[in-house]
């Protein structure tokens, strides 16, 4: 499964629908932007160490360290969305 992207996506979709319902609902909103979706997944689902404070808790979204991680990740999310749209035109 480690190198099987389809299996990884299937697992993430299942996990979001069962254990992260608020994130799943947020992502299914037709008006959500790629950047907002990226931020939500990072902050509420992935929770990387870069957004954890010295007290072991998530830093506020407005913290410059969190915003820096958002800014770093958003271009990759935009690139992934663009590649997906190219491969799956409507």
PDB file of N, CA and C in Angstrom:
ATOM      1  N   UNK A   1       0.821  -1.199   0.000  1.00  0.00           N
ATOM      2  CA  UNK A   1       0.000   0.000   0.000  1.00  0.00           C
ATOM      3  C   UNK A   1       0.864   1.262   0.000  1.00  0.00           C
ATOM      4  N   UNK A   2       2.064   1.172   0.527  1.00  0.00           N
ATOM      5  CA  UNK A   2       2.922   2.339   0.643  1.00  0.00           C
ATOM      6  C   UNK A   2       3.115   3.049  -0.695  1.00  0.00           C
ATOM      7  N   UNK A   3       3.262   2.303  -1.775  1.00  0.00           N
ATOM      8  CA  UNK A   3       3.526   2.915  -3.073  1.00  0.00           C
ATOM      9  C   UNK A   3       2.315   2.841  -4.001  1.00  0.00           C
ATOM     10  N   UNK A   4       1.159   2.465  -3.474  1.00  0.00           N
ATOM     11  CA  UNK A   4      -0.058   2.371  -4.265  1.00  0.00           C
ATOM     12  C   UNK A   4      -0.915   3.605  -3.977  1.00  0.00           C
ATOM     13  N   UNK A   5      -0.865   4.590  -4.877  1.00  0.00           N
ATOM     14  CA  UNK A   5      -1.561   5.849  -4.661  1.00  0.00           C
ATOM     15  C   UNK A   5      -3.070   5.654  -4.564  1.00  0.00           C
ATOM     16  N   UNK A   6      -3.634   4.772  -5.389  1.00  0.00           N
ATOM     17  CA  UNK A   6      -5.075   4.530  -5.322  1.00  0.00           C
ATOM     18  C   UNK A   6      -5.476   4.009  -3.948  1.00  0.00           C
ATOM     19  N   UNK A   7      -4.700   3.082  -3.399  1.00  0.00           N
ATOM     20  CA  UNK A   7      -5.000   2.534  -2.073  1.00  0.00           C
ATOM     21  C   UNK A   7      -4.874   3.613  -1.009  1.00  0.00           C
ATOM     22  N   UNK A   8      -3.876   4.470  -1.134  1.00  0.00           N
ATOM     23  CA  UNK A   8      -3.700   5.548  -0.162  1.00  0.00           C
ATOM     24  C   UNK A   8      -4.882   6.521  -0.201  1.00  0.00           C
ATOM     25  N   UNK A   9      -5.319   6.856  -1.387  1.00  0.00           N
ATOM     26  CA  UNK A   9      -6.459   7.766  -1.529  1.00  0.00           C
ATOM     27  C   UNK A   9      -7.722   7.113  -0.982  1.00  0.00           C
ATOM     28  N   UNK A  10      -7.928   5.837  -1.319  1.00  0.00           N
ATOM     29  CA  UNK A  10      -9.101   5.122  -0.797  1.00  0.00           C
ATOM     30  C   UNK A  10      -9.102   5.128   0.730  1.00  0.00           C
ATOM     31  N   UNK A  11      -7.944   4.897   1.322  1.00  0.00           N
ATOM     32  CA  UNK A  11      -7.846   4.888   2.778  1.00  0.00           C
ATOM     33  C   UNK A  11      -8.148   6.277   3.351  1.00  0.00           C
ATOM     34  N   UNK A  12      -7.583   7.310   2.752  1.00  0.00           N
ATOM     35  CA  UNK A  12      -7.817   8.674   3.243  1.00  0.00           C
ATOM     36  C   UNK A  12      -9.296   9.039   3.151  1.00  0.00           C
ATOM     37  N   UNK A  13      -9.944   8.684   2.045  1.00  0.00           N
ATOM     38  CA  UNK A  13     -11.369   8.974   1.870  1.00  0.00           C
ATOM     39  C   UNK A  13     -12.183   8.252   2.940  1.00  0.00           C
ATOM     40  N   UNK A  14     -11.865   6.995   3.187  1.00  0.00           N
ATOM     41  CA  UNK A  14     -12.569   6.225   4.219  1.00  0.00           C
ATOM     42  C   UNK A  14     -12.334   6.826   5.602  1.00  0.00           C
ATOM     43  N   UNK A  15     -11.086   7.141   5.916  1.00  0.00           N
ATOM     44  CA  UNK A  15     -10.761   7.702   7.225  1.00  0.00           C
ATOM     45  C   UNK A  15     -11.440   9.055   7.437  1.00  0.00           C
ATOM     46  N   UNK A  16     -11.428   9.891   6.412  1.00  0.00           N
ATOM     47  CA  UNK A  16     -12.091  11.192   6.522  1.00  0.00           C
ATOM     48  C   UNK A  16     -13.591  11.020   6.763  1.00  0.00           C
ATOM     49  N   UNK A  17     -14.212  10.101   6.055  1.00  0.00           N
ATOM     50  CA  UNK A  17     -15.661   9.933   6.187  1.00  0.00           C
ATOM     51  C   UNK A  17     -16.059   9.349   7.535  1.00  0.00           C
ATOM     52  N   UNK A  18     -15.185   8.590   8.145  1.00  0.00           N
ATOM     53  CA  UNK A  18     -15.523   7.937   9.412  1.00  0.00           C
ATOM     54  C   UNK A  18     -15.016   8.700  10.635  1.00  0.00           C
ATOM     55  N   UNK A  19     -13.792   9.180  10.590  1.00  0.00           N
ATOM     56  CA  UNK A  19     -13.165   9.752  11.784  1.00  0.00           C
ATOM     57  C   UNK A  19     -12.971  11.266  11.738  1.00  0.00           C
ATOM     58  N   UNK A  20     -13.143  11.854  10.577  1.00  0.00           N
ATOM     59  CA  UNK A  20     -12.922  13.294  10.417  1.00  0.00           C
ATOM     60  C   UNK A  20     -14.084  13.898   9.629  1.00  0.00           C
ATOM     61  N   UNK A  21     -15.292  13.680  10.118  1.00  0.00           N
ATOM     62  CA  UNK A  21     -16.503  14.068   9.401  1.00  0.00           C
ATOM     63  C   UNK A  21     -16.541  15.573   9.100  1.00  0.00           C
ATOM     64  N   UNK A  22     -16.121  16.395  10.043  1.00  0.00           N
ATOM     65  CA  UNK A  22     -16.148  17.847   9.813  1.00  0.00           C
ATOM     66  C   UNK A  22     -15.221  18.230   8.659  1.00  0.00           C
ATOM     67  N   UNK A  23     -14.054  17.613   8.594  1.00  0.00           N
ATOM     68  CA  UNK A  23     -13.123  17.883   7.490  1.00  0.00           C
ATOM     69  C   UNK A  23     -13.726  17.376   6.184  1.00  0.00           C
ATOM     70  N   UNK A  24     -14.287  16.177   6.217  1.00  0.00           N
ATOM     71  CA  UNK A  24     -14.910  15.584   5.035  1.00  0.00           C
ATOM     72  C   UNK A  24     -16.024  16.498   4.510  1.00  0.00           C
ATOM     73  N   UNK A  25     -16.885  16.971   5.410  1.00  0.00           N
ATOM     74  CA  UNK A  25     -17.965  17.875   4.996  1.00  0.00           C
ATOM     75  C   UNK A  25     -17.406  19.171   4.412  1.00  0.00           C
ATOM     76  N   UNK A  26     -16.369  19.709   5.028  1.00  0.00           N
ATOM     77  CA  UNK A  26     -15.732  20.935   4.539  1.00  0.00           C
ATOM     78  C   UNK A  26     -15.219  20.724   3.114  1.00  0.00           C
ATOM     79  N   UNK A  27     -14.560  19.601   2.877  1.00  0.00           N
ATOM     80  CA  UNK A  27     -13.980  19.320   1.558  1.00  0.00           C
ATOM     81  C   UNK A  27     -15.046  19.099   0.493  1.00  0.00           C
ATOM     82  N   UNK A  28     -16.220  18.646   0.893  1.00  0.00           N
ATOM     83  CA  UNK A  28     -17.293  18.369  -0.068  1.00  0.00           C
ATOM     84  C   UNK A  28     -18.104  19.613  -0.428  1.00  0.00           C
ATOM     85  N   UNK A  29     -17.848  20.722   0.248  1.00  0.00           N
ATOM     86  CA  UNK A  29     -18.544  21.966  -0.072  1.00  0.00           C
ATOM     87  C   UNK A  29     -18.123  22.397  -1.478  1.00  0.00           C
ATOM     88  N   UNK A  30     -19.053  22.563  -2.396  1.00  0.00           N
ATOM     89  CA  UNK A  30     -18.683  22.909  -3.771  1.00  0.00           C
ATOM     90  C   UNK A  30     -17.996  24.268  -3.902  1.00  0.00           C
ATOM     91  N   UNK A  31     -18.111  25.114  -2.894  1.00  0.00           N
ATOM     92  CA  UNK A  31     -17.506  26.444  -2.965  1.00  0.00           C
ATOM     93  C   UNK A  31     -16.138  26.531  -2.293  1.00  0.00           C
ATOM     94  N   UNK A  32     -15.651  25.427  -1.732  1.00  0.00           N
ATOM     95  CA  UNK A  32     -14.357  25.461  -1.048  1.00  0.00           C
ATOM     96  C   UNK A  32     -13.244  25.652  -2.080  1.00  0.00           C
ATOM     97  N   UNK A  33     -12.281  26.478  -1.740  1.00  0.00           N
ATOM     98  CA  UNK A  33     -11.145  26.699  -2.639  1.00  0.00           C
ATOM     99  C   UNK A  33     -10.072  25.642  -2.377  1.00  0.00           C
ATOM    100  N   UNK A  34      -9.177  25.482  -3.316  1.00  0.00           N
ATOM    101  CA  UNK A  34      -8.077  24.543  -3.137  1.00  0.00           C
ATOM    102  C   UNK A  34      -7.230  24.955  -1.936  1.00  0.00           C
ATOM    103  N   UNK A  35      -6.955  26.235  -1.814  1.00  0.00           N
ATOM    104  CA  UNK A  35      -6.148  26.713  -0.678  1.00  0.00           C
ATOM    105  C   UNK A  35      -6.833  26.453   0.649  1.00  0.00           C
ATOM    106  N   UNK A  36      -8.130  26.715   0.718  1.00  0.00           N
ATOM    107  CA  UNK A  36      -8.856  26.455   1.968  1.00  0.00           C
ATOM    108  C   UNK A  36      -8.896  24.966   2.286  1.00  0.00           C
ATOM    109  N   UNK A  37      -9.095  24.142   1.281  1.00  0.00           N
ATOM    110  CA  UNK A  37      -9.096  22.690   1.480  1.00  0.00           C
ATOM    111  C   UNK A  37      -7.730  22.220   1.962  1.00  0.00           C
ATOM    112  N   UNK A  38      -6.686  22.753   1.363  1.00  0.00           N
ATOM    113  CA  UNK A  38      -5.318  22.415   1.759  1.00  0.00           C
ATOM    114  C   UNK A  38      -5.080  22.768   3.221  1.00  0.00           C
ATOM    115  N   UNK A  39      -5.468  23.974   3.603  1.00  0.00           N
ATOM    116  CA  UNK A  39      -5.280  24.428   4.982  1.00  0.00           C
ATOM    117  C   UNK A  39      -6.048  23.538   5.963  1.00  0.00           C
ATOM    118  N   UNK A  40      -7.284  23.213   5.614  1.00  0.00           N
ATOM    119  CA  UNK A  40      -8.129  22.411   6.511  1.00  0.00           C
ATOM    120  C   UNK A  40      -7.545  21.012   6.711  1.00  0.00           C
ATOM    121  N   UNK A  41      -7.128  20.387   5.635  1.00  0.00           N
ATOM    122  CA  UNK A  41      -6.539  19.039   5.731  1.00  0.00           C
ATOM    123  C   UNK A  41      -5.260  19.093   6.556  1.00  0.00           C
ATOM    124  N   UNK A  42      -4.437  20.062   6.298  1.00  0.00           N
ATOM    125  CA  UNK A  42      -3.188  20.185   7.041  1.00  0.00           C
ATOM    126  C   UNK A  42      -3.451  20.403   8.533  1.00  0.00           C
ATOM    127  N   UNK A  43      -4.367  21.308   8.851  1.00  0.00           N
ATOM    128  CA  UNK A  43      -4.574  21.713  10.248  1.00  0.00           C
ATOM    129  C   UNK A  43      -5.415  20.719  11.043  1.00  0.00           C
ATOM    130  N   UNK A  44      -6.401  20.108  10.414  1.00  0.00           N
ATOM    131  CA  UNK A  44      -7.329  19.245  11.149  1.00  0.00           C
ATOM    132  C   UNK A  44      -7.106  17.753  10.934  1.00  0.00           C
ATOM    133  N   UNK A  45      -6.380  17.370   9.884  1.00  0.00           N
ATOM    134  CA  UNK A  45      -6.209  15.945   9.559  1.00  0.00           C
ATOM    135  C   UNK A  45      -4.751  15.515   9.661  1.00  0.00           C
ATOM    136  N   UNK A  46      -3.886  16.173   8.924  1.00  0.00           N
ATOM    137  CA  UNK A  46      -2.475  15.772   8.939  1.00  0.00           C
ATOM    138  C   UNK A  46      -1.777  16.162  10.249  1.00  0.00           C
ATOM    139  N   UNK A  47      -1.980  17.369  10.694  1.00  0.00           N
ATOM    140  CA  UNK A  47      -1.399  17.933  11.915  1.00  0.00           C
ATOM    141  C   UNK A  47       0.111  17.645  12.010  1.00  0.00           C
ATOM    142  N   UNK A  48       0.884  18.230  11.089  1.00  0.00           N
ATOM    143  CA  UNK A  48       2.334  18.012  11.138  1.00  0.00           C
ATOM    144  C   UNK A  48       2.978  18.665  12.352  1.00  0.00           C
ATOM    145  N   UNK A  49       4.132  18.180  12.727  1.00  0.00           N
ATOM    146  CA  UNK A  49       4.850  18.702  13.884  1.00  0.00           C
ATOM    147  C   UNK A  49       5.148  20.184  13.798  1.00  0.00           C
ATOM    148  N   UNK A  50       5.237  20.716  12.594  1.00  0.00           N
ATOM    149  CA  UNK A  50       5.545  22.137  12.412  1.00  0.00           C
ATOM    150  C   UNK A  50       4.450  23.053  12.947  1.00  0.00           C
ATOM    151  N   UNK A  51       3.256  22.510  13.193  1.00  0.00           N
ATOM    152  CA  UNK A  51       2.182  23.357  13.712  1.00  0.00           C
ATOM    153  C   UNK A  51       1.869  23.029  15.175  1.00  0.00           C
ATOM    154  N   UNK A  52       2.744  22.280  15.807  1.00  0.00           N
ATOM    155  CA  UNK A  52       2.582  21.924  17.216  1.00  0.00           C
ATOM    156  C   UNK A  52       3.496  22.807  18.053  1.00  0.00           C
ATOM    157  N   UNK A  53       2.931  23.395  19.098  1.00  0.00           N
ATOM    158  CA  UNK A  53       3.703  24.263  19.987  1.00  0.00           C
ATOM    159  C   UNK A  53       4.486  23.474  21.015  1.00  0.00           C
ATOM    160  N   UNK A  54       5.228  24.175  21.824  1.00  0.00           N
ATOM    161  CA  UNK A  54       6.043  23.548  22.866  1.00  0.00           C
ATOM    162  C   UNK A  54       5.194  22.800  23.893  1.00  0.00           C
ATOM    163  N   UNK A  55       3.921  23.184  24.016  1.00  0.00           N
ATOM    164  CA  UNK A  55       3.031  22.530  24.964  1.00  0.00           C
ATOM    165  C   UNK A  55       2.392  21.259  24.399  1.00  0.00           C
ATOM    166  N   UNK A  56       2.744  20.912  23.155  1.00  0.00           N
ATOM    167  CA  UNK A  56       2.209  19.707  22.526  1.00  0.00           C
ATOM    168  C   UNK A  56       0.856  19.896  21.867  1.00  0.00           C
ATOM    169  N   UNK A  57       0.359  21.133  21.860  1.00  0.00           N
ATOM    170  CA  UNK A  57      -0.938  21.422  21.261  1.00  0.00           C
ATOM    171  C   UNK A  57      -0.749  22.177  19.951  1.00  0.00           C
ATOM    172  N   UNK A  58      -1.767  22.074  19.102  1.00  0.00           N
ATOM    173  CA  UNK A  58      -1.724  22.825  17.847  1.00  0.00           C
ATOM    174  C   UNK A  58      -1.671  24.317  18.122  1.00  0.00           C
ATOM    175  N   UNK A  59      -0.829  24.982  17.375  1.00  0.00           N
ATOM    176  CA  UNK A  59      -0.775  26.433  17.420  1.00  0.00           C
ATOM    177  C   UNK A  59      -2.024  26.991  16.751  1.00  0.00           C
ATOM    178  N   UNK A  60      -2.432  28.206  17.071  1.00  0.00           N
ATOM    179  CA  UNK A  60      -3.590  28.805  16.396  1.00  0.00           C
ATOM    180  C   UNK A  60      -3.307  28.971  14.897  1.00  0.00           C
ATOM    181  N   UNK A  61      -4.343  28.895  14.103  1.00  0.00           N
ATOM    182  CA  UNK A  61      -4.192  29.057  12.650  1.00  0.00           C
ATOM    183  C   UNK A  61      -3.504  30.375  12.296  1.00  0.00           C
ATOM    184  N   UNK A  62      -3.697  31.406  13.121  1.00  0.00           N
ATOM    185  CA  UNK A  62      -3.145  32.731  12.830  1.00  0.00           C
ATOM    186  C   UNK A  62      -1.674  32.851  13.223  1.00  0.00           C
ATOM    187  N   UNK A  63      -1.137  31.837  13.880  1.00  0.00           N
ATOM    188  CA  UNK A  63       0.267  31.883  14.281  1.00  0.00           C
ATOM    189  C   UNK A  63       1.138  31.928  13.014  1.00  0.00           C
ATOM    190  N   UNK A  64       2.151  32.773  12.994  1.00  0.00           N
ATOM    191  CA  UNK A  64       3.013  32.883  11.811  1.00  0.00           C
ATOM    192  C   UNK A  64       3.643  31.556  11.393  1.00  0.00           C
ATOM    193  N   UNK A  65       3.916  30.680  12.347  1.00  0.00           N
ATOM    194  CA  UNK A  65       4.498  29.375  11.999  1.00  0.00           C
ATOM    195  C   UNK A  65       3.500  28.508  11.251  1.00  0.00           C
ATOM    196  N   UNK A  66       2.245  28.577  11.651  1.00  0.00           N
ATOM    197  CA  UNK A  66       1.195  27.819  10.956  1.00  0.00           C
ATOM    198  C   UNK A  66       0.963  28.424   9.578  1.00  0.00           C
ATOM    199  N   UNK A  67       0.879  29.738   9.528  1.00  0.00           N
ATOM    200  CA  UNK A  67       0.676  30.403   8.244  1.00  0.00           C
ATOM    201  C   UNK A  67       1.813  30.100   7.272  1.00  0.00           C
ATOM    202  N   UNK A  68       3.025  29.963   7.782  1.00  0.00           N
ATOM    203  CA  UNK A  68       4.164  29.634   6.921  1.00  0.00           C
ATOM    204  C   UNK A  68       4.011  28.238   6.318  1.00  0.00           C
ATOM    205  N   UNK A  69       3.509  27.297   7.108  1.00  0.00           N
ATOM    206  CA  UNK A  69       3.290  25.945   6.585  1.00  0.00           C
ATOM    207  C   UNK A  69       2.167  25.973   5.555  1.00  0.00           C
ATOM    208  N   UNK A  70       1.096  26.719   5.825  1.00  0.00           N
ATOM    209  CA  UNK A  70       0.027  26.867   4.843  1.00  0.00           C
ATOM    210  C   UNK A  70       0.596  27.404   3.527  1.00  0.00           C
ATOM    211  N   UNK A  71       1.373  28.464   3.623  1.00  0.00           N
ATOM    212  CA  UNK A  71       1.935  29.090   2.416  1.00  0.00           C
ATOM    213  C   UNK A  71       2.849  28.132   1.657  1.00  0.00           C
ATOM    214  N   UNK A  72       3.539  27.294   2.374  1.00  0.00           N
ATOM    215  CA  UNK A  72       4.436  26.315   1.744  1.00  0.00           C
ATOM    216  C   UNK A  72       3.634  25.232   1.026  1.00  0.00           C
ATOM    217  N   UNK A  73       2.537  24.804   1.605  1.00  0.00           N
ATOM    218  CA  UNK A  73       1.763  23.691   1.052  1.00  0.00           C
ATOM    219  C   UNK A  73       0.804  24.086  -0.068  1.00  0.00           C
ATOM    220  N   UNK A  74       0.292  25.306  -0.034  1.00  0.00           N
ATOM    221  CA  UNK A  74      -0.725  25.702  -1.007  1.00  0.00           C
ATOM    222  C   UNK A  74      -0.290  25.559  -2.462  1.00  0.00           C
ATOM    223  N   UNK A  75       0.918  25.945  -2.839  1.00  0.00           N
ATOM    224  CA  UNK A  75       1.305  25.775  -4.249  1.00  0.00           C
ATOM    225  C   UNK A  75       1.281  24.302  -4.693  1.00  0.00           C
ATOM    226  N   UNK A  76       1.647  23.408  -3.800  1.00  0.00           N
ATOM    227  CA  UNK A  76       1.607  21.988  -4.147  1.00  0.00           C
ATOM    228  C   UNK A  76       0.167  21.505  -4.314  1.00  0.00           C
ATOM    229  N   UNK A  77      -0.726  22.004  -3.479  1.00  0.00           N
ATOM    230  CA  UNK A  77      -2.143  21.651  -3.614  1.00  0.00           C
ATOM    231  C   UNK A  77      -2.699  22.189  -4.930  1.00  0.00           C
ATOM    232  N   UNK A  78      -2.338  23.416  -5.257  1.00  0.00           N
ATOM    233  CA  UNK A  78      -2.784  23.995  -6.531  1.00  0.00           C
ATOM    234  C   UNK A  78      -2.242  23.190  -7.710  1.00  0.00           C
ATOM    235  N   UNK A  79      -0.990  22.773  -7.614  1.00  0.00           N
ATOM    236  CA  UNK A  79      -0.384  21.971  -8.688  1.00  0.00           C
ATOM    237  C   UNK A  79      -1.096  20.631  -8.825  1.00  0.00           C
ATOM    238  N   UNK A  80      -1.393  19.983  -7.708  1.00  0.00           N
ATOM    239  CA  UNK A  80      -2.092  18.696  -7.738  1.00  0.00           C
ATOM    240  C   UNK A  80      -3.490  18.858  -8.341  1.00  0.00           C
ATOM    241  N   UNK A  81      -4.181  19.931  -7.950  1.00  0.00           N
ATOM    242  CA  UNK A  81      -5.522  20.172  -8.489  1.00  0.00           C
ATOM    243  C   UNK A  81      -5.461  20.422  -9.992  1.00  0.00           C
ATOM    244  N   UNK A  82      -4.457  21.156 -10.429  1.00  0.00           N
ATOM    245  CA  UNK A  82      -4.298  21.428 -11.849  1.00  0.00           C
ATOM    246  C   UNK A  82      -4.020  20.144 -12.628  1.00  0.00           C
ATOM    247  N   UNK A  83      -3.150  19.304 -12.095  1.00  0.00           N
ATOM    248  CA  UNK A  83      -2.860  18.024 -12.745  1.00  0.00           C
ATOM    249  C   UNK A  83      -4.107  17.145 -12.804  1.00  0.00           C
ATOM    250  N   UNK A  84      -4.876  17.144 -11.734  1.00  0.00           N
ATOM    251  CA  UNK A  84      -6.110  16.360 -11.713  1.00  0.00           C
ATOM    252  C   UNK A  84      -7.090  16.867 -12.774  1.00  0.00           C
ATOM    253  N   UNK A  85      -7.275  18.194 -12.835  1.00  0.00           N
ATOM    254  CA  UNK A  85      -8.206  18.754 -13.824  1.00  0.00           C
ATOM    255  C   UNK A  85      -7.757  18.439 -15.243  1.00  0.00           C
ATOM    256  N   UNK A  86      -6.464  18.444 -15.480  1.00  0.00           N
ATOM    257  CA  UNK A  86      -5.952  18.123 -16.810  1.00  0.00           C
ATOM    258  C   UNK A  86      -6.228  16.658 -17.161  1.00  0.00           C
ATOM    259  N   UNK A  87      -6.074  15.781 -16.197  1.00  0.00           N
ATOM    260  CA  UNK A  87      -6.294  14.354 -16.427  1.00  0.00           C
ATOM    261  C   UNK A  87      -7.763  13.967 -16.443  1.00  0.00           C
ATOM    262  N   UNK A  88      -8.610  14.810 -15.828  1.00  0.00           N
ATOM    263  CA  UNK A  88     -10.044  14.505 -15.724  1.00  0.00           C
ATOM    264  C   UNK A  88     -10.885  15.706 -16.183  1.00  0.00           C
ATOM    265  N   UNK A  89     -10.783  16.082 -17.452  1.00  0.00           N
ATOM    266  CA  UNK A  89     -11.577  17.227 -17.915  1.00  0.00           C
ATOM    267  C   UNK A  89     -13.066  16.899 -17.862  1.00  0.00           C
ATOM    268  N   UNK A  90     -13.871  17.917 -17.580  1.00  0.00           N
ATOM    269  CA  UNK A  90     -15.329  17.700 -17.513  1.00  0.00           C
ATOM    270  C   UNK A  90     -15.942  17.635 -18.878  1.00  0.00           C
TER     271      UNK A  90
END
